[in-house]
Amino acid sequence: MTMNYVYKGFEARILPEMESTESRLARGDWRSRIVGYRYTAHYRGRISFRVGYDSEVGVLPTVDDAITDFQNRIDAITDSL
């Protein structure tokens, strides 16, 4: 369930972060819950940066938050050029 989002030539591949197997089994449920979203930003096919993969931000709670964070980071990058 990957979502792609393009902004100013950068592409974000937004992925859901699922709960751990231990917490799922502790609940006694076989279905995993989505606990947040992470993304990888690409520019011209190369990975530029990752958010939610052991980064300072952590997992973002909603897709809209991931898109907003992505747009803010891209704006900061383009403004600094």
Protein backbone atom coordinates (compact mmCIF):
# COMPACT_ATOMS: atom_id res chain seq x y z
CA MET A 1 0.00 0.00 0.00
CA THR A 2 2.58 2.54 -1.17
CA MET A 3 1.43 6.05 -1.94
CA ASN A 4 3.49 8.25 -4.26
CA TYR A 5 3.36 12.02 -3.97
CA VAL A 6 5.24 14.47 -6.22
CA TYR A 7 6.16 18.02 -5.17
CA LYS A 8 8.58 20.36 -7.01
CA GLY A 9 10.22 17.48 -8.85
CA PHE A 10 10.77 15.40 -5.71
CA GLU A 11 8.83 12.19 -5.18
CA ALA A 12 7.80 10.85 -1.78
CA ARG A 13 7.03 7.16 -1.41
CA ILE A 14 4.82 7.00 1.66
CA LEU A 15 4.54 3.64 3.43
CA PRO A 16 2.46 2.57 6.42
CA GLU A 17 4.28 1.48 9.55
CA MET A 18 2.61 -1.56 11.07
CA GLU A 19 2.58 -2.50 14.74
CA SER A 20 5.02 -5.09 15.99
CA THR A 21 4.22 -8.79 16.03
CA GLU A 22 4.54 -8.86 19.82
CA SER A 23 1.86 -6.21 20.38
CA ARG A 24 -0.41 -7.82 17.81
CA LEU A 25 -0.14 -11.21 19.52
CA ALA A 26 -0.61 -9.61 22.95
CA ARG A 27 -3.94 -8.25 21.71
CA GLY A 28 -4.82 -11.73 20.45
CA ASP A 29 -5.53 -10.48 16.95
CA TRP A 30 -4.00 -11.72 13.71
CA ARG A 31 -4.52 -8.38 11.94
CA SER A 32 -1.89 -5.66 12.21
CA ARG A 33 -2.81 -2.05 12.85
CA ILE A 34 -1.20 0.91 11.14
CA VAL A 35 0.63 2.95 13.76
CA GLY A 36 1.89 5.70 11.47
CA TYR A 37 3.57 6.52 8.18
CA ARG A 38 7.15 6.93 6.97
CA TYR A 39 8.48 8.09 3.63
CA THR A 40 11.49 8.15 1.36
CA ALA A 41 12.13 11.21 -0.81
CA HIS A 42 13.59 10.70 -4.27
CA TYR A 43 14.97 13.18 -6.77
CA ARG A 44 15.71 11.97 -10.30
CA GLY A 45 15.45 8.36 -9.16
CA ARG A 46 17.97 8.66 -6.32
CA ILE A 47 17.18 8.56 -2.64
CA SER A 48 17.58 12.03 -1.16
CA PHE A 49 16.48 11.45 2.42
CA ARG A 50 14.28 9.23 4.60
CA VAL A 51 11.85 10.16 7.36
CA GLY A 52 10.51 7.65 9.86
CA TYR A 53 13.40 5.21 9.40
CA ASP A 54 15.26 5.73 12.69
CA SER A 55 15.29 9.46 12.05
CA GLU A 56 14.89 12.35 14.46
CA VAL A 57 11.22 12.75 13.47
CA GLY A 58 10.01 9.20 13.97
CA VAL A 59 6.83 7.82 12.47
CA LEU A 60 4.26 10.40 11.37
CA PRO A 61 0.67 9.75 12.55
CA THR A 62 -1.25 10.36 9.30
CA VAL A 63 -0.64 10.49 5.54
CA ASP A 64 -1.51 14.20 5.58
CA ASP A 65 1.19 14.81 8.22
CA ALA A 66 3.70 12.91 6.08
CA ILE A 67 2.80 15.01 3.02
CA THR A 68 3.03 18.27 5.00
CA ASP A 69 6.40 17.27 6.48
CA PHE A 70 7.64 16.34 2.99
CA GLN A 71 6.51 19.67 1.52
CA ASN A 72 8.13 21.64 4.36
CA ARG A 73 11.44 19.81 3.93
CA ILE A 74 11.43 20.32 0.14
CA ASP A 75 10.60 24.03 0.61
CA ALA A 76 13.51 24.35 3.05
CA ILE A 77 15.85 22.63 0.57
CA THR A 78 14.77 24.75 -2.41
CA ASP A 79 14.80 28.00 -0.39
CA SER A 80 18.37 27.35 0.74
CA LEU A 81 19.65 27.07 -2.86
